[in-house]
PDB file of N, CA and C in Angstrom:
ATOM      1  N   UNK A   1      86.484 117.877  83.222  1.00  0.00           N
ATOM      2  CA  UNK A   1      87.066 116.654  83.751  1.00  0.00           C
ATOM      3  C   UNK A   1      88.038 117.014  84.881  1.00  0.00           C
ATOM      4  N   UNK A   2      87.852 116.420  86.040  1.00  0.00           N
ATOM      5  CA  UNK A   2      88.700 116.706  87.196  1.00  0.00           C
ATOM      6  C   UNK A   2      90.037 115.988  87.076  1.00  0.00           C
ATOM      7  N   UNK A   3      91.084 116.676  87.471  1.00  0.00           N
ATOM      8  CA  UNK A   3      92.431 116.089  87.475  1.00  0.00           C
ATOM      9  C   UNK A   3      92.704 115.471  88.824  1.00  0.00           C
ATOM     10  N   UNK A   4      93.401 114.342  88.820  1.00  0.00           N
ATOM     11  CA  UNK A   4      93.778 113.724  90.085  1.00  0.00           C
ATOM     12  C   UNK A   4      95.036 114.392  90.634  1.00  0.00           C
ATOM     13  N   UNK A   5      95.190 114.320  91.925  1.00  0.00           N
ATOM     14  CA  UNK A   5      96.368 114.871  92.598  1.00  0.00           C
ATOM     15  C   UNK A   5      97.580 113.992  92.269  1.00  0.00           C
ATOM     16  N   UNK A   6      98.682 114.602  91.913  1.00  0.00           N
ATOM     17  CA  UNK A   6      99.909 113.853  91.641  1.00  0.00           C
ATOM     18  C   UNK A   6     100.526 113.447  92.964  1.00  0.00           C
ATOM     19  N   UNK A   7     100.864 112.174  93.087  1.00  0.00           N
ATOM     20  CA  UNK A   7     101.542 111.668  94.275  1.00  0.00           C
ATOM     21  C   UNK A   7     102.957 111.308  93.856  1.00  0.00           C
ATOM     22  N   UNK A   8     103.951 111.951  94.457  1.00  0.00           N
ATOM     23  CA  UNK A   8     105.348 111.746  94.104  1.00  0.00           C
ATOM     24  C   UNK A   8     106.121 111.282  95.324  1.00  0.00           C
ATOM     25  N   UNK A   9     106.859 110.179  95.161  1.00  0.00           N
ATOM     26  CA  UNK A   9     107.649 109.604  96.232  1.00  0.00           C
ATOM     27  C   UNK A   9     109.049 109.328  95.701  1.00  0.00           C
ATOM     28  N   UNK A  10     109.964 108.947  96.597  1.00  0.00           N
ATOM     29  CA  UNK A  10     111.336 108.659  96.193  1.00  0.00           C
ATOM     30  C   UNK A  10     111.800 107.382  96.878  1.00  0.00           C
ATOM     31  N   UNK A  11     112.482 106.506  96.138  1.00  0.00           N
ATOM     32  CA  UNK A  11     112.965 105.237  96.688  1.00  0.00           C
ATOM     33  C   UNK A  11     113.922 105.422  97.860  1.00  0.00           C
ATOM     34  N   UNK A  12     114.614 106.541  97.912  1.00  0.00           N
ATOM     35  CA  UNK A  12     115.600 106.777  98.969  1.00  0.00           C
ATOM     36  C   UNK A  12     114.991 107.440 100.210  1.00  0.00           C
ATOM     37  N   UNK A  13     113.699 107.719 100.188  1.00  0.00           N
ATOM     38  CA  UNK A  13     113.056 108.420 101.284  1.00  0.00           C
ATOM     39  C   UNK A  13     111.797 107.686 101.733  1.00  0.00           C
ATOM     40  N   UNK A  14     111.578 107.662 103.043  1.00  0.00           N
ATOM     41  CA  UNK A  14     110.366 107.048 103.586  1.00  0.00           C
ATOM     42  C   UNK A  14     109.213 108.052 103.654  1.00  0.00           C
ATOM     43  N   UNK A  15     109.456 109.294 103.242  1.00  0.00           N
ATOM     44  CA  UNK A  15     108.427 110.336 103.324  1.00  0.00           C
ATOM     45  C   UNK A  15     107.178 109.923 102.555  1.00  0.00           C
ATOM     46  N   UNK A  16     106.050 109.989 103.231  1.00  0.00           N
ATOM     47  CA  UNK A  16     104.777 109.655 102.615  1.00  0.00           C
ATOM     48  C   UNK A  16     104.445 108.179 102.650  1.00  0.00           C
ATOM     49  N   UNK A  17     105.346 107.361 103.171  1.00  0.00           N
ATOM     50  CA  UNK A  17     105.121 105.920 103.221  1.00  0.00           C
ATOM     51  C   UNK A  17     104.731 105.439 104.603  1.00  0.00           C
ATOM     52  N   UNK A  18     104.434 104.161 104.698  1.00  0.00           N
ATOM     53  CA  UNK A  18     104.061 103.498 105.947  1.00  0.00           C
ATOM     54  C   UNK A  18     105.196 102.547 106.308  1.00  0.00           C
ATOM     55  N   UNK A  19     105.795 102.729 107.492  1.00  0.00           N
ATOM     56  CA  UNK A  19     106.943 101.921 107.900  1.00  0.00           C
ATOM     57  C   UNK A  19     106.485 100.627 108.573  1.00  0.00           C
ATOM     58  N   UNK A  20     107.208  99.540 108.266  1.00  0.00           N
ATOM     59  CA  UNK A  20     106.916  98.249 108.881  1.00  0.00           C
ATOM     60  C   UNK A  20     108.228  97.511 109.124  1.00  0.00           C
ATOM     61  N   UNK A  21     108.425  97.002 110.334  1.00  0.00           N
ATOM     62  CA  UNK A  21     109.578  96.162 110.680  1.00  0.00           C
ATOM     63  C   UNK A  21     109.149  94.726 110.405  1.00  0.00           C
ATOM     64  N   UNK A  22     109.641  94.143 109.327  1.00  0.00           N
ATOM     65  CA  UNK A  22     109.214  92.804 108.942  1.00  0.00           C
ATOM     66  C   UNK A  22     109.859  91.720 109.799  1.00  0.00           C
ATOM     67  N   UNK A  23     111.152  91.855 110.055  1.00  0.00           N
ATOM     68  CA  UNK A  23     111.917  90.882 110.840  1.00  0.00           C
ATOM     69  C   UNK A  23     113.195  91.579 111.282  1.00  0.00           C
ATOM     70  N   UNK A  24     114.016  90.905 112.086  1.00  0.00           N
ATOM     71  CA  UNK A  24     115.310  91.473 112.456  1.00  0.00           C
ATOM     72  C   UNK A  24     116.115  91.730 111.193  1.00  0.00           C
ATOM     73  N   UNK A  25     116.558  92.970 111.000  1.00  0.00           N
ATOM     74  CA  UNK A  25     117.352  93.301 109.828  1.00  0.00           C
ATOM     75  C   UNK A  25     116.568  93.452 108.542  1.00  0.00           C
ATOM     76  N   UNK A  26     115.234  93.517 108.623  1.00  0.00           N
ATOM     77  CA  UNK A  26     114.389  93.606 107.423  1.00  0.00           C
ATOM     78  C   UNK A  26     113.245  94.581 107.674  1.00  0.00           C
ATOM     79  N   UNK A  27     113.252  95.702 106.923  1.00  0.00           N
ATOM     80  CA  UNK A  27     112.200  96.711 107.062  1.00  0.00           C
ATOM     81  C   UNK A  27     111.590  97.009 105.699  1.00  0.00           C
ATOM     82  N   UNK A  28     110.433  97.634 105.727  1.00  0.00           N
ATOM     83  CA  UNK A  28     109.816  98.074 104.484  1.00  0.00           C
ATOM     84  C   UNK A  28     109.125  99.409 104.685  1.00  0.00           C
ATOM     85  N   UNK A  29     109.043 100.156 103.601  1.00  0.00           N
ATOM     86  CA  UNK A  29     108.222 101.360 103.541  1.00  0.00           C
ATOM     87  C   UNK A  29     107.193 101.104 102.456  1.00  0.00           C
ATOM     88  N   UNK A  30     105.925 101.268 102.804  1.00  0.00           N
ATOM     89  CA  UNK A  30     104.812 100.888 101.934  1.00  0.00           C
ATOM     90  C   UNK A  30     104.138 102.133 101.382  1.00  0.00           C
ATOM     91  N   UNK A  31     103.841 102.078 100.079  1.00  0.00           N
ATOM     92  CA  UNK A  31     103.166 103.164  99.387  1.00  0.00           C
ATOM     93  C   UNK A  31     101.902 102.587  98.753  1.00  0.00           C
ATOM     94  N   UNK A  32     100.737 102.725  99.417  1.00  0.00           N
ATOM     95  CA  UNK A  32      99.513 102.121  98.899  1.00  0.00           C
ATOM     96  C   UNK A  32      98.803 102.987  97.869  1.00  0.00           C
ATOM     97  N   UNK A  33      98.185 102.316  96.927  1.00  0.00           N
ATOM     98  CA  UNK A  33      97.295 102.954  95.967  1.00  0.00           C
ATOM     99  C   UNK A  33      95.901 102.382  96.144  1.00  0.00           C
ATOM    100  N   UNK A  34      95.061 102.554  95.149  1.00  0.00           N
ATOM    101  CA  UNK A  34      93.699 102.041  95.246  1.00  0.00           C
ATOM    102  C   UNK A  34      93.618 100.563  94.886  1.00  0.00           C
ATOM    103  N   UNK A  35      94.382 100.109  93.895  1.00  0.00           N
ATOM    104  CA  UNK A  35      94.302  98.733  93.417  1.00  0.00           C
ATOM    105  C   UNK A  35      95.586  97.925  93.636  1.00  0.00           C
ATOM    106  N   UNK A  36      96.681  98.597  93.977  1.00  0.00           N
ATOM    107  CA  UNK A  36      97.971  97.935  94.173  1.00  0.00           C
ATOM    108  C   UNK A  36      98.779  98.733  95.179  1.00  0.00           C
ATOM    109  N   UNK A  37      99.857  98.133  95.668  1.00  0.00           N
ATOM    110  CA  UNK A  37     100.739  98.845  96.588  1.00  0.00           C
ATOM    111  C   UNK A  37     102.175  98.468  96.297  1.00  0.00           C
ATOM    112  N   UNK A  38     103.079  99.426  96.568  1.00  0.00           N
ATOM    113  CA  UNK A  38     104.509  99.196  96.441  1.00  0.00           C
ATOM    114  C   UNK A  38     105.105  99.093  97.831  1.00  0.00           C
ATOM    115  N   UNK A  39     106.111  98.252  97.965  1.00  0.00           N
ATOM    116  CA  UNK A  39     106.796  98.051  99.237  1.00  0.00           C
ATOM    117  C   UNK A  39     108.292  98.052  98.950  1.00  0.00           C
ATOM    118  N   UNK A  40     109.018  99.004  99.527  1.00  0.00           N
ATOM    119  CA  UNK A  40     110.469  99.085  99.351  1.00  0.00           C
ATOM    120  C   UNK A  40     111.097  98.395 100.563  1.00  0.00           C
ATOM    121  N   UNK A  41     111.623  97.191 100.335  1.00  0.00           N
ATOM    122  CA  UNK A  41     112.150  96.348 101.404  1.00  0.00           C
ATOM    123  C   UNK A  41     113.669  96.493 101.458  1.00  0.00           C
ATOM    124  N   UNK A  42     114.182  96.761 102.659  1.00  0.00           N
ATOM    125  CA  UNK A  42     115.628  96.862 102.880  1.00  0.00           C
ATOM    126  C   UNK A  42     116.036  95.723 103.812  1.00  0.00           C
ATOM    127  N   UNK A  43     117.024  94.939 103.360  1.00  0.00           N
ATOM    128  CA  UNK A  43     117.434  93.749 104.107  1.00  0.00           C
ATOM    129  C   UNK A  43     118.925  93.843 104.406  1.00  0.00           C
ATOM    130  N   UNK A  44     119.273  93.732 105.676  1.00  0.00           N
ATOM    131  CA  UNK A  44     120.673  93.746 106.091  1.00  0.00           C
ATOM    132  C   UNK A  44     121.390  92.495 105.569  1.00  0.00           C
ATOM    133  N   UNK A  45     122.718  92.558 105.437  1.00  0.00           N
ATOM    134  CA  UNK A  45     123.469  91.379 104.990  1.00  0.00           C
ATOM    135  C   UNK A  45     123.110  90.132 105.803  1.00  0.00           C
ATOM    136  N   UNK A  46     122.786  89.064 105.090  1.00  0.00           N
ATOM    137  CA  UNK A  46     122.483  87.737 105.632  1.00  0.00           C
ATOM    138  C   UNK A  46     121.205  87.677 106.466  1.00  0.00           C
ATOM    139  N   UNK A  47     120.434  88.753 106.557  1.00  0.00           N
ATOM    140  CA  UNK A  47     119.166  88.719 107.297  1.00  0.00           C
ATOM    141  C   UNK A  47     118.153  87.898 106.503  1.00  0.00           C
ATOM    142  N   UNK A  48     117.261  87.247 107.233  1.00  0.00           N
ATOM    143  CA  UNK A  48     116.288  86.357 106.598  1.00  0.00           C
ATOM    144  C   UNK A  48     114.903  86.588 107.178  1.00  0.00           C
ATOM    145  N   UNK A  49     113.902  86.553 106.321  1.00  0.00           N
ATOM    146  CA  UNK A  49     112.525  86.689 106.755  1.00  0.00           C
ATOM    147  C   UNK A  49     111.936  85.345 107.152  1.00  0.00           C
ATOM    148  N   UNK A  50     110.681  85.359 107.545  1.00  0.00           N
ATOM    149  CA  UNK A  50     109.942  84.170 107.945  1.00  0.00           C
ATOM    150  C   UNK A  50     109.114  83.676 106.758  1.00  0.00           C
ATOM    151  N   UNK A  51     109.040  82.359 106.592  1.00  0.00           N
ATOM    152  CA  UNK A  51     108.170  81.811 105.547  1.00  0.00           C
ATOM    153  C   UNK A  51     106.737  82.248 105.838  1.00  0.00           C
ATOM    154  N   UNK A  52     106.057  82.748 104.816  1.00  0.00           N
ATOM    155  CA  UNK A  52     104.688  83.206 104.975  1.00  0.00           C
ATOM    156  C   UNK A  52     103.979  83.140 103.628  1.00  0.00           C
ATOM    157  N   UNK A  53     102.688  83.343 103.650  1.00  0.00           N
ATOM    158  CA  UNK A  53     101.895  83.402 102.416  1.00  0.00           C
ATOM    159  C   UNK A  53     100.752  84.376 102.622  1.00  0.00           C
ATOM    160  N   UNK A  54     100.170  84.804 101.521  1.00  0.00           N
ATOM    161  CA  UNK A  54      99.058  85.746 101.573  1.00  0.00           C
ATOM    162  C   UNK A  54      98.261  85.599 100.277  1.00  0.00           C
ATOM    163  N   UNK A  55      97.015  86.067 100.263  1.00  0.00           N
ATOM    164  CA  UNK A  55      96.170  85.879  99.074  1.00  0.00           C
ATOM    165  C   UNK A  55      96.476  86.826  97.919  1.00  0.00           C
ATOM    166  N   UNK A  56      97.293  87.858  98.155  1.00  0.00           N
ATOM    167  CA  UNK A  56      97.597  88.824  97.098  1.00  0.00           C
ATOM    168  C   UNK A  56      98.716  88.301  96.188  1.00  0.00           C
ATOM    169  N   UNK A  57      98.639  88.643  94.925  1.00  0.00           N
ATOM    170  CA  UNK A  57      99.742  88.383  93.995  1.00  0.00           C
ATOM    171  C   UNK A  57     100.870  89.361  94.338  1.00  0.00           C
ATOM    172  N   UNK A  58     102.122  88.909  94.191  1.00  0.00           N
ATOM    173  CA  UNK A  58     103.267  89.749  94.518  1.00  0.00           C
ATOM    174  C   UNK A  58     104.315  89.623  93.416  1.00  0.00           C
ATOM    175  N   UNK A  59     104.833  90.764  92.996  1.00  0.00           N
ATOM    176  CA  UNK A  59     105.964  90.809  92.066  1.00  0.00           C
ATOM    177  C   UNK A  59     107.125  91.460  92.794  1.00  0.00           C
ATOM    178  N   UNK A  60     108.347  91.034  92.522  1.00  0.00           N
ATOM    179  CA  UNK A  60     109.524  91.608  93.150  1.00  0.00           C
ATOM    180  C   UNK A  60     110.553  92.032  92.125  1.00  0.00           C
ATOM    181  N   UNK A  61     111.289  93.097  92.440  1.00  0.00           N
ATOM    182  CA  UNK A  61     112.378  93.583  91.595  1.00  0.00           C
ATOM    183  C   UNK A  61     113.580  93.817  92.509  1.00  0.00           C
ATOM    184  N   UNK A  62     114.717  93.172  92.217  1.00  0.00           N
ATOM    185  CA  UNK A  62     115.920  93.386  93.007  1.00  0.00           C
ATOM    186  C   UNK A  62     116.576  94.678  92.530  1.00  0.00           C
ATOM    187  N   UNK A  63     116.553  95.703  93.382  1.00  0.00           N
ATOM    188  CA  UNK A  63     117.125  96.998  93.036  1.00  0.00           C
ATOM    189  C   UNK A  63     118.610  97.071  93.359  1.00  0.00           C
ATOM    190  N   UNK A  64     119.025  96.470  94.473  1.00  0.00           N
ATOM    191  CA  UNK A  64     120.424  96.494  94.916  1.00  0.00           C
ATOM    192  C   UNK A  64     120.729  95.189  95.641  1.00  0.00           C
ATOM    193  N   UNK A  65     121.963  94.724  95.526  1.00  0.00           N
ATOM    194  CA  UNK A  65     122.404  93.555  96.276  1.00  0.00           C
ATOM    195  C   UNK A  65     121.981  92.247  95.651  1.00  0.00           C
ATOM    196  N   UNK A  66     121.872  91.235  96.502  1.00  0.00           N
ATOM    197  CA  UNK A  66     121.488  89.900  96.062  1.00  0.00           C
ATOM    198  C   UNK A  66     120.805  89.181  97.210  1.00  0.00           C
ATOM    199  N   UNK A  67     120.145  88.074  96.887  1.00  0.00           N
ATOM    200  CA  UNK A  67     119.450  87.296  97.914  1.00  0.00           C
ATOM    201  C   UNK A  67     119.154  85.904  97.382  1.00  0.00           C
ATOM    202  N   UNK A  68     118.847  85.021  98.305  1.00  0.00           N
ATOM    203  CA  UNK A  68     118.295  83.718  97.956  1.00  0.00           C
ATOM    204  C   UNK A  68     116.803  83.790  98.216  1.00  0.00           C
ATOM    205  N   UNK A  69     116.033  83.415  97.226  1.00  0.00           N
ATOM    206  CA  UNK A  69     114.572  83.425  97.310  1.00  0.00           C
ATOM    207  C   UNK A  69     114.102  82.007  97.559  1.00  0.00           C
ATOM    208  N   UNK A  70     113.255  81.840  98.551  1.00  0.00           N
ATOM    209  CA  UNK A  70     112.642  80.550  98.862  1.00  0.00           C
ATOM    210  C   UNK A  70     111.167  80.681  98.549  1.00  0.00           C
ATOM    211  N   UNK A  71     110.675  79.831  97.653  1.00  0.00           N
ATOM    212  CA  UNK A  71     109.275  79.921  97.241  1.00  0.00           C
ATOM    213  C   UNK A  71     108.743  78.506  97.059  1.00  0.00           C
ATOM    214  N   UNK A  72     107.758  78.152  97.882  1.00  0.00           N
ATOM    215  CA  UNK A  72     107.252  76.781  97.958  1.00  0.00           C
ATOM    216  C   UNK A  72     108.448  75.842  98.168  1.00  0.00           C
ATOM    217  N   UNK A  73     108.708  74.906  97.289  1.00  0.00           N
ATOM    218  CA  UNK A  73     109.808  73.949  97.479  1.00  0.00           C
ATOM    219  C   UNK A  73     111.050  74.308  96.672  1.00  0.00           C
ATOM    220  N   UNK A  74     111.120  75.535  96.159  1.00  0.00           N
ATOM    221  CA  UNK A  74     112.257  75.942  95.337  1.00  0.00           C
ATOM    222  C   UNK A  74     113.089  77.007  96.043  1.00  0.00           C
ATOM    223  N   UNK A  75     114.353  77.104  95.643  1.00  0.00           N
ATOM    224  CA  UNK A  75     115.195  78.221  96.072  1.00  0.00           C
ATOM    225  C   UNK A  75     116.016  78.655  94.873  1.00  0.00           C
ATOM    226  N   UNK A  76     116.203  79.951  94.737  1.00  0.00           N
ATOM    227  CA  UNK A  76     116.962  80.464  93.612  1.00  0.00           C
ATOM    228  C   UNK A  76     117.634  81.773  93.972  1.00  0.00           C
ATOM    229  N   UNK A  77     118.779  82.020  93.340  1.00  0.00           N
ATOM    230  CA  UNK A  77     119.554  83.225  93.572  1.00  0.00           C
ATOM    231  C   UNK A  77     118.955  84.373  92.772  1.00  0.00           C
ATOM    232  N   UNK A  78     118.825  85.526  93.428  1.00  0.00           N
ATOM    233  CA  UNK A  78     118.311  86.726  92.775  1.00  0.00           C
ATOM    234  C   UNK A  78     119.393  87.792  92.842  1.00  0.00           C
ATOM    235  N   UNK A  79     119.629  88.429  91.708  1.00  0.00           N
ATOM    236  CA  UNK A  79     120.639  89.498  91.625  1.00  0.00           C
ATOM    237  C   UNK A  79     119.982  90.785  91.142  1.00  0.00           C
ATOM    238  N   UNK A  80     120.734  91.876  91.261  1.00  0.00           N
ATOM    239  CA  UNK A  80     120.252  93.182  90.828  1.00  0.00           C
ATOM    240  C   UNK A  80     119.684  93.092  89.410  1.00  0.00           C
ATOM    241  N   UNK A  81     118.473  93.617  89.248  1.00  0.00           N
ATOM    242  CA  UNK A  81     117.810  93.619  87.949  1.00  0.00           C
ATOM    243  C   UNK A  81     116.841  92.473  87.743  1.00  0.00           C
ATOM    244  N   UNK A  82     116.907  91.434  88.576  1.00  0.00           N
ATOM    245  CA  UNK A  82     115.990  90.295  88.420  1.00  0.00           C
ATOM    246  C   UNK A  82     114.585  90.673  88.873  1.00  0.00           C
ATOM    247  N   UNK A  83     113.592  90.100  88.195  1.00  0.00           N
ATOM    248  CA  UNK A  83     112.176  90.293  88.492  1.00  0.00           C
ATOM    249  C   UNK A  83     111.549  88.913  88.675  1.00  0.00           C
ATOM    250  N   UNK A  84     110.706  88.749  89.685  1.00  0.00           N
ATOM    251  CA  UNK A  84     110.057  87.464  89.918  1.00  0.00           C
ATOM    252  C   UNK A  84     108.620  87.670  90.358  1.00  0.00           C
ATOM    253  N   UNK A  85     107.840  86.610  90.220  1.00  0.00           N
ATOM    254  CA  UNK A  85     106.417  86.640  90.579  1.00  0.00           C
ATOM    255  C   UNK A  85     106.162  85.610  91.664  1.00  0.00           C
ATOM    256  N   UNK A  86     105.365  86.016  92.636  1.00  0.00           N
ATOM    257  CA  UNK A  86     104.904  85.104  93.681  1.00  0.00           C
ATOM    258  C   UNK A  86     103.389  85.002  93.553  1.00  0.00           C
ATOM    259  N   UNK A  87     102.885  83.834  93.152  1.00  0.00           N
ATOM    260  CA  UNK A  87     101.430  83.689  93.021  1.00  0.00           C
ATOM    261  C   UNK A  87     100.739  83.777  94.382  1.00  0.00           C
ATOM    262  N   UNK A  88      99.452  84.067  94.388  1.00  0.00           N
ATOM    263  CA  UNK A  88      98.706  84.069  95.643  1.00  0.00           C
ATOM    264  C   UNK A  88      98.872  82.734  96.374  1.00  0.00           C
ATOM    265  N   UNK A  89      99.000  82.791  97.691  1.00  0.00           N
ATOM    266  CA  UNK A  89      99.066  81.635  98.590  1.00  0.00           C
ATOM    267  C   UNK A  89     100.353  80.819  98.497  1.00  0.00           C
ATOM    268  N   UNK A  90     101.361  81.264  97.766  1.00  0.00           N
ATOM    269  CA  UNK A  90     102.647  80.550  97.703  1.00  0.00           C
ATOM    270  C   UNK A  90     103.456  80.879  98.954  1.00  0.00           C
ATOM    271  N   UNK A  91     104.006  79.859  99.613  1.00  0.00           N
ATOM    272  CA  UNK A  91     104.898  80.084 100.750  1.00  0.00           C
ATOM    273  C   UNK A  91     106.196  80.677 100.234  1.00  0.00           C
ATOM    274  N   UNK A  92     106.702  81.725 100.916  1.00  0.00           N
ATOM    275  CA  UNK A  92     107.913  82.363 100.420  1.00  0.00           C
ATOM    276  C   UNK A  92     108.618  83.172 101.499  1.00  0.00           C
ATOM    277  N   UNK A  93     109.904  83.397 101.278  1.00  0.00           N
ATOM    278  CA  UNK A  93     110.711  84.318 102.068  1.00  0.00           C
ATOM    279  C   UNK A  93     111.993  84.583 101.297  1.00  0.00           C
ATOM    280  N   UNK A  94     112.890  85.327 101.918  1.00  0.00           N
ATOM    281  CA  UNK A  94     114.132  85.706 101.250  1.00  0.00           C
ATOM    282  C   UNK A  94     115.224  85.857 102.289  1.00  0.00           C
ATOM    283  N   UNK A  95     116.463  85.524 101.903  1.00  0.00           N
ATOM    284  CA  UNK A  95     117.641  85.745 102.732  1.00  0.00           C
ATOM    285  C   UNK A  95     118.627  86.569 101.919  1.00  0.00           C
ATOM    286  N   UNK A  96     119.017  87.723 102.463  1.00  0.00           N
ATOM    287  CA  UNK A  96     119.919  88.622 101.741  1.00  0.00           C
ATOM    288  C   UNK A  96     121.318  88.035 101.637  1.00  0.00           C
ATOM    289  N   UNK A  97     122.021  88.440 100.601  1.00  0.00           N
ATOM    290  CA  UNK A  97     123.405  88.053 100.391  1.00  0.00           C
ATOM    291  C   UNK A  97     124.342  88.881 101.263  1.00  0.00           C
ATOM    292  N   UNK A  98     125.656  88.786 101.004  1.00  0.00           N
ATOM    293  CA  UNK A  98     126.656  89.431 101.860  1.00  0.00           C
ATOM    294  C   UNK A  98     126.619  90.958 101.857  1.00  0.00           C
ATOM    295  N   UNK A  99     126.030  91.569 100.830  1.00  0.00           N
ATOM    296  CA  UNK A  99     125.939  93.028 100.766  1.00  0.00           C
ATOM    297  C   UNK A  99     124.549  93.541 101.102  1.00  0.00           C
ATOM    298  N   UNK A 100     123.669  92.656 101.548  1.00  0.00           N
ATOM    299  CA  UNK A 100     122.297  93.054 101.817  1.00  0.00           C
ATOM    300  C   UNK A 100     121.511  93.168 100.518  1.00  0.00           C
ATOM    301  N   UNK A 101     120.309  93.719 100.615  1.00  0.00           N
ATOM    302  CA  UNK A 101     119.449  93.822  99.440  1.00  0.00           C
ATOM    303  C   UNK A 101     118.435  94.946  99.616  1.00  0.00           C
ATOM    304  N   UNK A 102     118.031  95.504  98.481  1.00  0.00           N
ATOM    305  CA  UNK A 102     116.899  96.432  98.423  1.00  0.00           C
ATOM    306  C   UNK A 102     115.980  95.887  97.343  1.00  0.00           C
ATOM    307  N   UNK A 103     114.740  95.613  97.735  1.00  0.00           N
ATOM    308  CA  UNK A 103     113.764  94.977  96.847  1.00  0.00           C
ATOM    309  C   UNK A 103     112.535  95.869  96.733  1.00  0.00           C
ATOM    310  N   UNK A 104     112.019  95.986  95.531  1.00  0.00           N
ATOM    311  CA  UNK A 104     110.734  96.638  95.318  1.00  0.00           C
ATOM    312  C   UNK A 104     109.705  95.534  95.122  1.00  0.00           C
ATOM    313  N   UNK A 105     108.757  95.419  96.059  1.00  0.00           N
ATOM    314  CA  UNK A 105     107.649  94.470  95.933  1.00  0.00           C
ATOM    315  C   UNK A 105     106.412  95.221  95.478  1.00  0.00           C
ATOM    316  N   UNK A 106     105.641  94.585  94.607  1.00  0.00           N
ATOM    317  CA  UNK A 106     104.386  95.144  94.124  1.00  0.00           C
ATOM    318  C   UNK A 106     103.295  94.144  94.467  1.00  0.00           C
ATOM    319  N   UNK A 107     102.274  94.576  95.189  1.00  0.00           N
ATOM    320  CA  UNK A 107     101.164  93.716  95.581  1.00  0.00           C
ATOM    321  C   UNK A 107      99.885  94.156  94.883  1.00  0.00           C
ATOM    322  N   UNK A 108      99.104  93.178  94.431  1.00  0.00           N
ATOM    323  CA  UNK A 108      97.782  93.464  93.898  1.00  0.00           C
ATOM    324  C   UNK A 108      96.866  92.300  94.271  1.00  0.00           C
ATOM    325  N   UNK A 109      95.710  92.583  94.842  1.00  0.00           N
ATOM    326  CA  UNK A 109      95.286  93.906  95.294  1.00  0.00           C
ATOM    327  C   UNK A 109      96.082  94.350  96.520  1.00  0.00           C
ATOM    328  N   UNK A 110      95.704  95.481  97.070  1.00  0.00           N
ATOM    329  CA  UNK A 110      96.347  96.044  98.250  1.00  0.00           C
ATOM    330  C   UNK A 110      96.263  95.050  99.414  1.00  0.00           C
ATOM    331  N   UNK A 111      97.374  94.897 100.146  1.00  0.00           N
ATOM    332  CA  UNK A 111      97.364  94.084 101.378  1.00  0.00           C
ATOM    333  C   UNK A 111      96.832  94.966 102.493  1.00  0.00           C
ATOM    334  N   UNK A 112      95.602  94.756 102.889  1.00  0.00           N
ATOM    335  CA  UNK A 112      94.946  95.626 103.869  1.00  0.00           C
ATOM    336  C   UNK A 112      95.696  95.697 105.190  1.00  0.00           C
ATOM    337  N   UNK A 113      96.314  94.586 105.620  1.00  0.00           N
ATOM    338  CA  UNK A 113      97.036  94.592 106.890  1.00  0.00           C
ATOM    339  C   UNK A 113      98.293  95.454 106.836  1.00  0.00           C
ATOM    340  N   UNK A 114      98.724  95.861 105.635  1.00  0.00           N
ATOM    341  CA  UNK A 114      99.895  96.725 105.497  1.00  0.00           C
ATOM    342  C   UNK A 114      99.530  98.205 105.381  1.00  0.00           C
ATOM    343  N   UNK A 115      98.269  98.534 105.571  1.00  0.00           N
ATOM    344  CA  UNK A 115      97.848  99.927 105.504  1.00  0.00           C
ATOM    345  C   UNK A 115      98.144 100.696 106.783  1.00  0.00           C
ATOM    346  N   UNK A 116      98.654  99.998 107.793  1.00  0.00           N
ATOM    347  CA  UNK A 116      99.045 100.632 109.043  1.00  0.00           C
ATOM    348  C   UNK A 116     100.468 100.212 109.397  1.00  0.00           C
ATOM    349  N   UNK A 117     101.213 101.107 110.036  1.00  0.00           N
ATOM    350  CA  UNK A 117     102.558 100.765 110.505  1.00  0.00           C
ATOM    351  C   UNK A 117     102.450  99.605 111.484  1.00  0.00           C
ATOM    352  N   UNK A 118     103.504  98.798 111.552  1.00  0.00           N
ATOM    353  CA  UNK A 118     103.480  97.673 112.475  1.00  0.00           C
ATOM    354  C   UNK A 118     104.713  96.823 112.317  1.00  0.00           C
ATOM    355  N   UNK A 119     104.576  95.566 112.709  1.00  0.00           N
ATOM    356  CA  UNK A 119     105.697  94.651 112.595  1.00  0.00           C
ATOM    357  C   UNK A 119     105.203  93.292 112.119  1.00  0.00           C
ATOM    358  N   UNK A 120     106.133  92.519 111.562  1.00  0.00           N
ATOM    359  CA  UNK A 120     105.809  91.193 111.067  1.00  0.00           C
ATOM    360  C   UNK A 120     105.291  91.227 109.640  1.00  0.00           C
ATOM    361  N   UNK A 121     105.179  90.020 109.070  1.00  0.00           N
ATOM    362  CA  UNK A 121     104.726  89.879 107.685  1.00  0.00           C
ATOM    363  C   UNK A 121     103.215  89.866 107.538  1.00  0.00           C
ATOM    364  N   UNK A 122     102.508  89.615 108.629  1.00  0.00           N
ATOM    365  CA  UNK A 122     101.050  89.620 108.634  1.00  0.00           C
ATOM    366  C   UNK A 122     100.448  88.569 107.711  1.00  0.00           C
ATOM    367  N   UNK A 123     101.240  87.607 107.259  1.00  0.00           N
ATOM    368  CA  UNK A 123     100.732  86.505 106.456  1.00  0.00           C
ATOM    369  C   UNK A 123     100.772  85.232 107.267  1.00  0.00           C
ATOM    370  N   UNK A 124     100.064  84.228 106.816  1.00  0.00           N
ATOM    371  CA  UNK A 124     100.068  82.969 107.549  1.00  0.00           C
ATOM    372  C   UNK A 124     101.227  82.103 107.064  1.00  0.00           C
ATOM    373  N   UNK A 125     101.669  81.196 107.903  1.00  0.00           N
ATOM    374  CA  UNK A 125     102.769  80.313 107.547  1.00  0.00           C
ATOM    375  C   UNK A 125     102.325  79.005 107.017  1.00  0.00           C
TER     376      UNK A 125
END
């Protein structure tokens, strides 16, 4: 039985990831797998993304800081340790709190448009 290669990454390092400038004050480093991908999003204090949607399911984990989450017609405060789900095709964005935010997003399946470095959310509004 063949063993798979171990892939090891670190949340504090972009090494091995794909960089993307999502918006002013909002960047991500993407780590794709075969069936899912992780995105480590760093948001400057009070920076806000653009409302967008995509067909992939998305889960988020607030690692540091706080933010206001806008999803369809709702808005809610997210703090360190909170986990949330964004269903496919839901309109969403986020605005960081006064200390900024670091978010771990998990997408399934892989967002193909995020397999290359670039800019923007690549989702429709």
